Amino acid sequence: MARILIVGGGYIGLYAARHLERRLPTGAHELVMVSPENHMTYQPFLPEVASGLIDPRAVVVPLRSALRRTRLILGEVERIDAESRTARIHLSDGRRREEPFDVAVIGAGSWSRTLPIPGLAEHAVGFKTLPEAIWLRNRVLAQLDTASEAEDVEERRTALGFVFVGAGFAGIEAIGELEDFARAALAAYPPGMASEMRWVVVEATDRILPELDPTLATYAADRLLERGIQIRTDTRLVSIEDGTVRLSDGSSIAAATVVWTAGVRPSPLASASGLPVDDHGRVRVDRTLRVEGIDGLWAAGDVAAVPDPHAPSGYSPPTAQHALRQARTLAENVAALLDGRPPRPFRYRNKGMLCSLGHYRGVADPLGVPIRGFPAWFLHRTYHLVYMPTVGRKVRIALDWTVALLFPRDIAQLGSLEHPRDAFRRSAGS
């Protein structure tokens, strides 16, 4: 019996575990997953969570429910010792322990890629996790509340300033959905605030959505500009201080909210474990997704440099569609080797990209066919609904969308949930 350790409960971890459960005979091998959370988050729906269109619980999949034959350990793998076949785990209760394995699947994912910019760590927020999406929704509503009560013009301008740094898919989808949400919420606020809102996206390259064809990117930029969203290309963030965002073109923006969506970097687990990594810190794997030079170790997703002859860079891009297929191939190869069969190389040709702009608009290029406007927005929703794990989650999301069509958006601001003990402390101190 082999003990298979799966590191991470994201796309790679969840889907690899599910495929292994299906392919391995019951009781023949032991599956163990280590994840810092007891759920997997379907990240493509985070913009709609932030805008209140989808309930946060609908975009997370409980790992214990989805995986019937996999033992879950809540914690984070700090180091993998390939020689002794052990993993050092920092458990959720603060303890550390060693977990032995025969086969390890590394799907630790990625972190937000930050730069040493003054004020960034103190004042900005990322947009990669569910807590960040929920926080941003509450933040937008809190800033609208602040602005509605502010008598000072500068205070009001700062409260209504929102800057997004990075104009890739994450940044454009986030600003598109949140601006749409804020504009809808303003129906319940004093008149005149809409003209004072300022939404700005800052991009270091010469255009937004560099992964898409320039004509589609231009269409997306035009739609955002029509809604009053400012686009600053060839511009970098210089600093954030006292509600002022300073840019490389010498300008400054009064904004109390800064969202950092300027890319990701692989989990440092591979480097910390002494595994072979490339210049970006991604673990090197061969075409079958085995870690180079180390038997029994496999990796895929954002943490791995997966060879891809069809990609311009020579490696698979960090997208959900690639991660889902890599997880399946990885699981099939692990099962094949345990059964004495040879592994097969990972092959997948990009089927195109999808981007929602909010406000029932989007851009897409499925199979190289450019689509824009409502059809692209609808395709984006349909595609991700199909690939959302479990039928129950699909139904919940579809119901949330239906409710959003029939009723106004909920503008209850639940920021107090971030400090649940405050009320009790006040009572105890009185």
Protein backbone atom coordinates (compact mmCIF):
# COMPACT_ATOMS: atom_id res chain seq x y z
CA MET A 1 0.00 0.00 0.00
CA ALA A 2 1.32 3.43 -0.98
CA ARG A 3 0.64 6.57 1.01
CA ILE A 4 -0.08 9.44 -1.41
CA LEU A 5 0.36 12.92 0.07
CA ILE A 6 -1.48 15.73 -1.74
CA VAL A 7 -0.17 19.20 -0.89
CA GLY A 8 -2.82 21.90 -1.26
CA GLY A 9 -6.59 21.87 -1.57
CA GLY A 10 -6.96 24.10 -4.63
CA TYR A 11 -7.57 23.13 -8.25
CA ILE A 12 -4.71 20.62 -8.42
CA GLY A 13 -5.29 19.13 -4.98
CA LEU A 14 -9.05 18.71 -5.20
CA TYR A 15 -9.24 17.47 -8.78
CA ALA A 16 -6.19 15.20 -8.48
CA ALA A 17 -7.65 13.65 -5.32
CA ARG A 18 -11.04 13.12 -6.95
CA HIS A 19 -9.48 11.45 -9.99
CA LEU A 20 -7.27 9.28 -7.77
CA GLU A 21 -10.27 8.18 -5.73
CA ARG A 22 -11.94 7.04 -8.94
CA ARG A 23 -8.90 5.29 -10.42
CA LEU A 24 -7.38 3.57 -7.40
CA PRO A 25 -9.04 0.45 -5.98
CA THR A 26 -10.74 1.02 -2.63
CA GLY A 27 -8.39 0.18 0.23
CA ALA A 28 -5.40 -0.37 -2.05
CA HIS A 29 -3.68 2.93 -1.21
CA GLU A 30 -4.00 5.74 1.34
CA LEU A 31 -4.77 9.30 0.24
CA VAL A 32 -3.82 12.20 2.55
CA MET A 33 -4.38 15.87 1.75
CA VAL A 34 -2.81 18.82 3.58
CA SER A 35 -4.63 22.11 3.09
CA PRO A 36 -4.70 25.36 5.10
CA GLU A 37 -8.48 25.53 4.56
CA ASN A 38 -11.16 22.85 4.71
CA HIS A 39 -12.54 24.01 1.37
CA MET A 40 -11.53 24.76 -2.19
CA THR A 41 -12.35 28.22 -3.59
CA TYR A 42 -13.42 28.53 -7.22
CA GLN A 43 -11.52 31.75 -7.93
CA PRO A 44 -13.12 32.77 -11.27
CA PHE A 45 -16.28 33.67 -9.35
CA LEU A 46 -14.54 35.95 -6.80
CA PRO A 47 -15.45 39.15 -8.71
CA GLU A 48 -19.14 38.25 -8.49
CA VAL A 49 -18.77 37.44 -4.80
CA ALA A 50 -17.22 40.88 -4.29
CA SER A 51 -20.08 42.52 -6.16
CA GLY A 52 -22.73 40.65 -4.17
CA LEU A 53 -24.10 38.64 -7.10
CA ILE A 54 -23.09 35.29 -5.60
CA ASP A 55 -23.19 34.19 -1.97
CA PRO A 56 -19.63 33.49 -0.76
CA ARG A 57 -20.55 29.99 0.43
CA ALA A 58 -21.63 29.04 -3.08
CA VAL A 59 -18.10 29.34 -4.51
CA VAL A 60 -16.38 27.13 -1.95
CA VAL A 61 -16.40 23.33 -2.01
CA PRO A 62 -16.02 21.55 1.37
CA LEU A 63 -13.12 19.14 0.92
CA ARG A 64 -14.44 16.59 3.40
CA SER A 65 -17.72 16.34 1.49
CA ALA A 66 -16.14 16.24 -1.97
CA LEU A 67 -13.47 13.67 -1.06
CA ARG A 68 -14.85 10.49 0.48
CA ARG A 69 -11.63 8.46 0.64
CA THR A 70 -9.07 11.17 1.36
CA ARG A 71 -7.93 12.03 4.88
CA LEU A 72 -7.74 15.79 5.36
CA ILE A 73 -5.13 17.48 7.54
CA LEU A 74 -5.65 21.19 8.17
CA GLY A 75 -2.29 22.90 7.98
CA GLU A 76 0.46 24.02 5.65
CA VAL A 77 3.38 21.99 4.35
CA GLU A 78 6.55 23.94 5.13
CA ARG A 79 9.09 21.57 3.63
CA ILE A 80 9.24 18.31 1.71
CA ASP A 81 12.21 16.02 2.29
CA ALA A 82 12.43 13.95 -0.88
CA GLU A 83 15.20 11.73 0.53
CA SER A 84 13.49 10.69 3.77
CA ARG A 85 10.02 10.85 2.18
CA THR A 86 8.54 13.10 4.86
CA ALA A 87 6.74 16.44 4.87
CA ARG A 88 6.95 18.95 7.72
CA ILE A 89 3.47 20.32 8.42
CA HIS A 90 2.53 23.43 10.37
CA LEU A 91 -0.86 22.42 11.74
CA SER A 92 -3.76 24.83 12.17
CA ASP A 93 -3.40 24.70 15.97
CA GLY A 94 0.22 25.84 15.77
CA ARG A 95 1.87 22.45 16.31
CA ARG A 96 4.30 20.93 13.80
CA ARG A 97 4.62 17.33 12.78
CA GLU A 98 6.26 15.09 10.19
CA GLU A 99 4.02 13.22 7.75
CA PRO A 100 5.53 10.26 5.87
CA PHE A 101 4.65 9.53 2.25
CA ASP A 102 5.55 7.27 -0.65
CA VAL A 103 4.20 9.58 -3.36
CA ALA A 104 3.73 13.35 -3.10
CA VAL A 105 1.57 15.55 -5.31
CA ILE A 106 2.56 19.22 -5.03
CA GLY A 107 -0.27 21.63 -5.79
CA ALA A 108 0.56 24.44 -3.39
CA GLY A 109 -0.56 27.11 -5.86
CA SER A 110 0.59 30.70 -5.87
CA TRP A 111 0.66 33.87 -3.78
CA SER A 112 0.14 37.47 -4.78
CA ARG A 113 3.31 38.86 -6.34
CA THR A 114 4.17 42.09 -4.57
CA LEU A 115 6.93 44.65 -5.05
CA PRO A 116 8.85 46.79 -2.52
CA ILE A 117 6.61 49.81 -3.01
CA PRO A 118 6.25 52.20 -0.04
CA GLY A 119 2.85 51.78 1.60
CA LEU A 120 1.78 48.78 -0.48
CA ALA A 121 1.80 46.18 2.28
CA GLU A 122 0.21 48.59 4.78
CA HIS A 123 -2.58 50.07 2.65
CA ALA A 124 -3.38 47.77 -0.29
CA VAL A 125 -5.32 44.51 -0.50
CA GLY A 126 -5.00 41.62 -2.92
CA PHE A 127 -7.74 39.91 -4.87
CA LYS A 128 -6.95 36.20 -4.77
CA THR A 129 -8.85 34.82 -1.79
CA LEU A 130 -12.45 34.68 -0.60
CA PRO A 131 -11.78 36.86 2.50
CA GLU A 132 -10.29 39.53 0.22
CA ALA A 133 -13.38 39.48 -2.03
CA ILE A 134 -15.74 39.74 0.95
CA TRP A 135 -13.63 42.51 2.48
CA LEU A 136 -13.73 44.50 -0.76
CA ARG A 137 -17.52 44.34 -0.95
CA ASN A 138 -17.79 45.64 2.62
CA ARG A 139 -15.08 48.20 1.91
CA VAL A 140 -16.94 49.69 -1.05
CA LEU A 141 -20.12 50.03 0.99
CA ALA A 142 -18.22 51.46 3.97
CA GLN A 143 -16.61 54.08 1.74
CA LEU A 144 -19.98 55.04 0.29
CA ASP A 145 -21.26 55.46 3.85
CA THR A 146 -18.23 57.56 4.78
CA ALA A 147 -18.62 59.77 1.72
CA SER A 148 -22.33 60.30 2.30
CA GLU A 149 -21.62 61.74 5.77
CA ALA A 150 -18.42 63.64 4.97
CA GLU A 151 -18.62 67.43 4.89
CA ASP A 152 -15.04 67.97 3.76
CA VAL A 153 -14.65 67.77 -0.02
CA GLU A 154 -11.20 66.16 0.11
CA GLU A 155 -12.37 63.55 2.58
CA ARG A 156 -15.28 62.68 0.31
CA ARG A 157 -13.04 62.47 -2.78
CA THR A 158 -10.63 60.14 -0.98
CA ALA A 159 -13.42 57.90 0.25
CA LEU A 160 -14.82 57.60 -3.29
CA GLY A 161 -11.44 56.86 -4.90
CA PHE A 162 -10.69 53.24 -5.90
CA VAL A 163 -7.43 52.24 -7.60
CA PHE A 164 -6.70 48.81 -9.08
CA VAL A 165 -3.08 48.05 -9.93
CA GLY A 166 -2.76 45.46 -12.71
CA ALA A 167 -4.96 45.20 -15.81
CA GLY A 168 -4.88 41.47 -16.43
CA PHE A 169 -7.98 39.30 -16.12
CA ALA A 170 -8.17 39.56 -12.32
CA GLY A 171 -7.89 43.34 -12.23
CA ILE A 172 -10.28 44.04 -15.09
CA GLU A 173 -12.95 41.62 -13.86
CA ALA A 174 -12.66 42.96 -10.31
CA ILE A 175 -12.94 46.64 -11.22
CA GLY A 176 -15.71 45.92 -13.73
CA GLU A 177 -17.90 44.07 -11.24
CA LEU A 178 -17.22 46.35 -8.26
CA GLU A 179 -17.82 49.58 -10.17
CA ASP A 180 -21.11 48.14 -11.40
CA PHE A 181 -22.00 47.14 -7.83
CA ALA A 182 -21.13 50.58 -6.41
CA ARG A 183 -23.15 52.40 -9.07
CA ALA A 184 -26.18 50.20 -8.35
CA ALA A 185 -25.79 50.74 -4.60
CA LEU A 186 -25.78 54.53 -5.04
CA ALA A 187 -29.53 54.41 -5.72
CA ALA A 188 -29.95 54.27 -1.92
CA TYR A 189 -27.54 57.15 -1.20
CA PRO A 190 -27.86 60.94 -1.50
CA PRO A 191 -27.84 62.15 -5.12
CA GLY A 192 -24.67 63.50 -6.68
CA MET A 193 -22.22 60.94 -5.34
CA ALA A 194 -21.99 59.07 -8.64
CA SER A 195 -20.19 61.95 -10.31
CA GLU A 196 -17.63 62.06 -7.48
CA MET A 197 -16.68 58.40 -7.66
CA ARG A 198 -13.32 57.71 -9.25
CA TRP A 199 -12.34 54.24 -10.47
CA VAL A 200 -8.84 53.90 -11.90
CA VAL A 201 -6.92 50.92 -13.25
CA VAL A 202 -3.13 51.25 -13.48
CA GLU A 203 -1.13 49.04 -15.86
CA ALA A 204 2.63 49.00 -16.40
CA THR A 205 2.40 47.76 -20.01
CA ASP A 206 0.95 49.57 -23.01
CA ARG A 207 -2.56 48.02 -22.90
CA ILE A 208 -5.00 46.13 -20.73
CA LEU A 209 -5.63 42.37 -21.04
CA PRO A 210 -2.31 41.58 -22.76
CA GLU A 211 -3.31 37.90 -23.00
CA LEU A 212 -6.11 38.75 -25.45
CA ASP A 213 -6.10 39.90 -29.07
CA PRO A 214 -5.58 43.71 -29.23
CA THR A 215 -8.99 44.26 -30.86
CA LEU A 216 -10.75 42.54 -27.95
CA ALA A 217 -8.62 44.42 -25.43
CA THR A 218 -9.51 47.69 -27.16
CA TYR A 219 -13.20 46.81 -27.01
CA ALA A 220 -12.87 46.09 -23.28
CA ALA A 221 -11.06 49.37 -22.69
CA ASP A 222 -13.71 51.32 -24.60
CA ARG A 223 -16.53 49.76 -22.56
CA LEU A 224 -14.78 50.58 -19.28
CA LEU A 225 -14.09 54.14 -20.40
CA GLU A 226 -17.77 54.59 -21.30
CA ARG A 227 -18.59 53.80 -17.68
CA GLY A 228 -16.16 56.42 -16.41
CA ILE A 229 -13.40 54.01 -15.41
CA GLN A 230 -10.00 55.59 -16.02
CA ILE A 231 -7.22 53.51 -17.58
CA ARG A 232 -3.59 54.48 -16.99
CA THR A 233 -1.28 52.37 -19.17
CA ASP A 234 2.53 52.60 -19.24
CA THR A 235 2.22 53.68 -15.63
CA ARG A 236 3.43 52.14 -12.37
CA LEU A 237 2.47 52.55 -8.74
CA VAL A 238 5.15 54.52 -6.87
CA SER A 239 3.76 54.83 -3.34
CA ILE A 240 0.66 54.92 -1.15
CA GLU A 241 0.49 57.33 1.77
CA ASP A 242 -2.29 59.04 3.74
CA GLY A 243 -4.99 58.29 1.16
CA THR A 244 -2.82 59.44 -1.74
CA VAL A 245 -1.74 57.08 -4.52
CA ARG A 246 1.34 58.33 -6.41
CA LEU A 247 2.06 57.10 -9.93
CA SER A 248 5.17 56.99 -12.11
CA ASP A 249 3.81 59.65 -14.51
CA GLY A 250 4.03 62.19 -11.69
CA SER A 251 0.29 62.28 -10.98
CA SER A 252 -1.45 61.42 -7.73
CA ILE A 253 -4.92 60.09 -6.96
CA ALA A 254 -6.93 60.63 -3.79
CA ALA A 255 -8.05 57.10 -2.97
CA ALA A 256 -8.60 55.25 0.29
CA THR A 257 -8.86 51.86 -1.44
CA VAL A 258 -6.06 50.24 -3.45
CA VAL A 259 -6.39 46.73 -4.88
CA TRP A 260 -3.27 44.91 -6.04
CA THR A 261 -3.86 42.50 -8.93
CA ALA A 262 -0.44 42.72 -10.59
CA GLY A 263 0.25 39.01 -10.94
CA VAL A 264 1.15 36.03 -8.77
CA ARG A 265 4.25 34.12 -7.76
CA PRO A 266 4.55 30.40 -7.02
CA SER A 267 4.41 29.11 -3.48
CA PRO A 268 7.91 29.09 -1.96
CA LEU A 269 7.50 25.44 -0.92
CA ALA A 270 9.59 24.05 -3.78
CA SER A 271 12.49 26.40 -3.11
CA ALA A 272 12.31 25.80 0.64
CA SER A 273 12.43 22.05 -0.01
CA GLY A 274 15.49 22.21 -2.23
CA LEU A 275 13.60 20.92 -5.26
CA PRO A 276 14.72 21.89 -8.77
CA VAL A 277 13.13 25.25 -9.65
CA ASP A 278 13.31 27.68 -12.58
CA ASP A 279 14.10 31.39 -12.49
CA HIS A 280 10.54 32.16 -11.33
CA GLY A 281 10.63 29.73 -8.41
CA ARG A 282 8.43 27.12 -10.09
CA VAL A 283 9.33 23.48 -9.55
CA ARG A 284 10.66 21.87 -12.72
CA VAL A 285 8.65 18.94 -14.03
CA ASP A 286 8.84 16.81 -17.16
CA ARG A 287 6.04 16.28 -19.68
CA THR A 288 4.43 13.65 -17.43
CA LEU A 289 4.37 16.14 -14.50
CA ARG A 290 7.03 14.30 -12.48
CA VAL A 291 9.52 16.50 -10.65
CA GLU A 292 12.77 16.38 -12.57
CA GLY A 293 15.23 13.85 -11.19
CA ILE A 294 13.10 12.77 -8.21
CA ASP A 295 10.96 9.63 -8.33
CA GLY A 296 7.66 9.75 -6.48
CA LEU A 297 7.28 13.53 -6.56
CA TRP A 298 4.75 15.18 -8.88
CA ALA A 299 3.68 18.79 -9.33
CA ALA A 300 1.24 20.85 -11.40
CA GLY A 301 -0.60 24.16 -11.46
CA ASP A 302 0.82 27.58 -10.56
CA VAL A 303 3.64 26.05 -8.51
CA ALA A 304 5.06 24.06 -11.45
CA ALA A 305 6.80 24.91 -14.72
CA VAL A 306 4.82 22.54 -16.94
CA PRO A 307 6.31 22.15 -20.44
CA ASP A 308 3.81 23.14 -23.13
CA PRO A 309 4.94 23.26 -26.78
CA HIS A 310 1.77 25.17 -27.74
CA ALA A 311 2.36 28.07 -25.32
CA PRO A 312 4.42 31.10 -26.46
CA SER A 313 6.61 30.85 -23.35
CA GLY A 314 7.05 27.09 -23.69
CA TYR A 315 5.20 26.51 -20.40
CA SER A 316 1.54 26.20 -19.50
CA PRO A 317 -0.01 29.51 -18.36
CA PRO A 318 -1.45 29.70 -14.80
CA THR A 319 -5.11 29.36 -15.78
CA ALA A 320 -7.95 27.29 -14.35
CA GLN A 321 -8.51 25.38 -17.60
CA HIS A 322 -4.90 24.21 -17.65
CA ALA A 323 -4.90 23.31 -13.94
CA LEU A 324 -8.01 21.13 -14.30
CA ARG A 325 -6.46 19.12 -17.16
CA GLN A 326 -3.08 18.88 -15.44
CA ALA A 327 -4.73 17.48 -12.31
CA ARG A 328 -6.45 14.78 -14.35
CA THR A 329 -3.25 13.80 -16.19
CA LEU A 330 -1.24 13.80 -12.99
CA ALA A 331 -3.75 11.52 -11.23
CA GLU A 332 -3.85 9.15 -14.20
CA ASN A 333 -0.06 8.96 -14.26
CA VAL A 334 0.25 8.31 -10.53
CA ALA A 335 -2.36 5.54 -10.81
CA ALA A 336 -0.61 4.13 -13.88
CA LEU A 337 2.78 3.86 -12.19
CA LEU A 338 1.26 2.26 -9.10
CA ASP A 339 -0.33 -0.27 -11.46
CA GLY A 340 2.90 -0.91 -13.34
CA ARG A 341 1.95 1.03 -16.46
CA PRO A 342 3.93 3.89 -18.07
CA PRO A 343 2.79 7.51 -17.61
CA ARG A 344 1.68 9.65 -20.53
CA PRO A 345 2.75 13.22 -21.31
CA PHE A 346 0.47 16.15 -20.55
CA ARG A 347 -1.05 17.59 -23.72
CA TYR A 348 -3.56 20.39 -23.87
CA ARG A 349 -4.18 23.17 -26.33
CA ASN A 350 -5.59 26.41 -24.95
CA LYS A 351 -9.29 26.65 -25.82
CA GLY A 352 -9.34 30.43 -25.49
CA MET A 353 -9.79 33.05 -22.78
CA LEU A 354 -12.86 34.60 -21.15
CA CYS A 355 -13.19 37.92 -19.33
CA SER A 356 -16.27 39.49 -17.78
CA LEU A 357 -16.42 43.29 -17.72
CA GLY A 358 -19.51 43.46 -15.53
CA HIS A 359 -22.66 45.28 -16.65
CA TYR A 360 -23.58 42.30 -18.90
CA ARG A 361 -20.52 42.77 -21.11
CA GLY A 362 -17.44 40.67 -21.73
CA VAL A 363 -14.77 39.58 -24.20
CA ALA A 364 -13.71 36.08 -25.21
CA ASP A 365 -11.85 34.18 -27.91
CA PRO A 366 -13.03 30.54 -27.71
CA LEU A 367 -11.09 28.42 -30.23
CA GLY A 368 -9.69 31.66 -31.64
CA VAL A 369 -13.09 33.15 -32.48
CA PRO A 370 -13.42 36.71 -31.10
CA ILE A 371 -16.65 37.35 -29.19
CA ARG A 372 -17.61 40.55 -27.40
CA GLY A 373 -20.50 42.11 -25.54
CA PHE A 374 -23.38 40.15 -24.02
CA PRO A 375 -22.57 36.83 -25.77
CA ALA A 376 -19.07 36.83 -24.29
CA TRP A 377 -20.41 37.72 -20.83
CA PHE A 378 -22.95 34.90 -21.06
CA LEU A 379 -20.30 32.45 -22.28
CA HIS A 380 -18.06 33.40 -19.36
CA ARG A 381 -20.80 32.63 -16.86
CA THR A 382 -21.88 29.42 -18.57
CA TYR A 383 -18.35 28.03 -18.88
CA HIS A 384 -17.47 28.57 -15.25
CA LEU A 385 -20.84 27.30 -14.03
CA VAL A 386 -20.22 24.05 -15.92
CA TYR A 387 -16.79 23.61 -14.34
CA MET A 388 -17.88 24.59 -10.82
CA PRO A 389 -17.48 21.42 -8.71
CA THR A 390 -20.59 19.64 -7.36
CA VAL A 391 -24.18 19.95 -8.50
CA GLY A 392 -25.22 21.65 -5.27
CA ARG A 393 -22.85 24.56 -5.86
CA LYS A 394 -23.98 24.93 -9.47
CA VAL A 395 -27.61 25.16 -8.34
CA ARG A 396 -26.85 27.71 -5.62
CA ILE A 397 -24.98 29.96 -8.05
CA ALA A 398 -27.75 29.74 -10.66
CA LEU A 399 -30.31 30.65 -7.99
CA ASP A 400 -28.20 33.61 -6.85
CA TRP A 401 -28.07 34.89 -10.43
CA THR A 402 -31.84 34.52 -10.73
CA VAL A 403 -32.43 36.47 -7.51
CA ALA A 404 -30.07 39.21 -8.74
CA LEU A 405 -32.16 39.59 -11.90
CA LEU A 406 -35.42 39.94 -9.96
CA PHE A 407 -34.41 42.08 -6.96
CA PRO A 408 -32.08 45.02 -6.20
CA ARG A 409 -28.63 44.24 -4.88
CA ASP A 410 -28.22 43.78 -1.15
CA ILE A 411 -26.26 46.72 0.27
CA ALA A 412 -25.98 45.55 3.88
CA GLN A 413 -22.43 46.30 5.01
CA LEU A 414 -21.13 43.48 7.22
CA GLY A 415 -17.69 44.78 8.02
CA SER A 416 -18.36 44.22 11.72
CA LEU A 417 -17.98 40.49 11.08
CA GLU A 418 -14.23 41.09 10.90
CA HIS A 419 -14.29 42.01 14.62
CA PRO A 420 -16.84 39.64 16.19
CA ARG A 421 -15.65 40.19 19.78
CA ASP A 422 -15.91 43.99 19.82
CA ALA A 423 -19.49 44.08 21.10
CA PHE A 424 -18.75 41.56 23.83
CA ARG A 425 -15.64 43.46 24.90
CA ARG A 426 -17.65 46.67 25.21
CA SER A 427 -20.19 44.86 27.36
CA ALA A 428 -17.51 43.27 29.51
CA GLY A 429 -15.82 46.63 30.03
CA SER A 430 -18.97 48.52 30.96
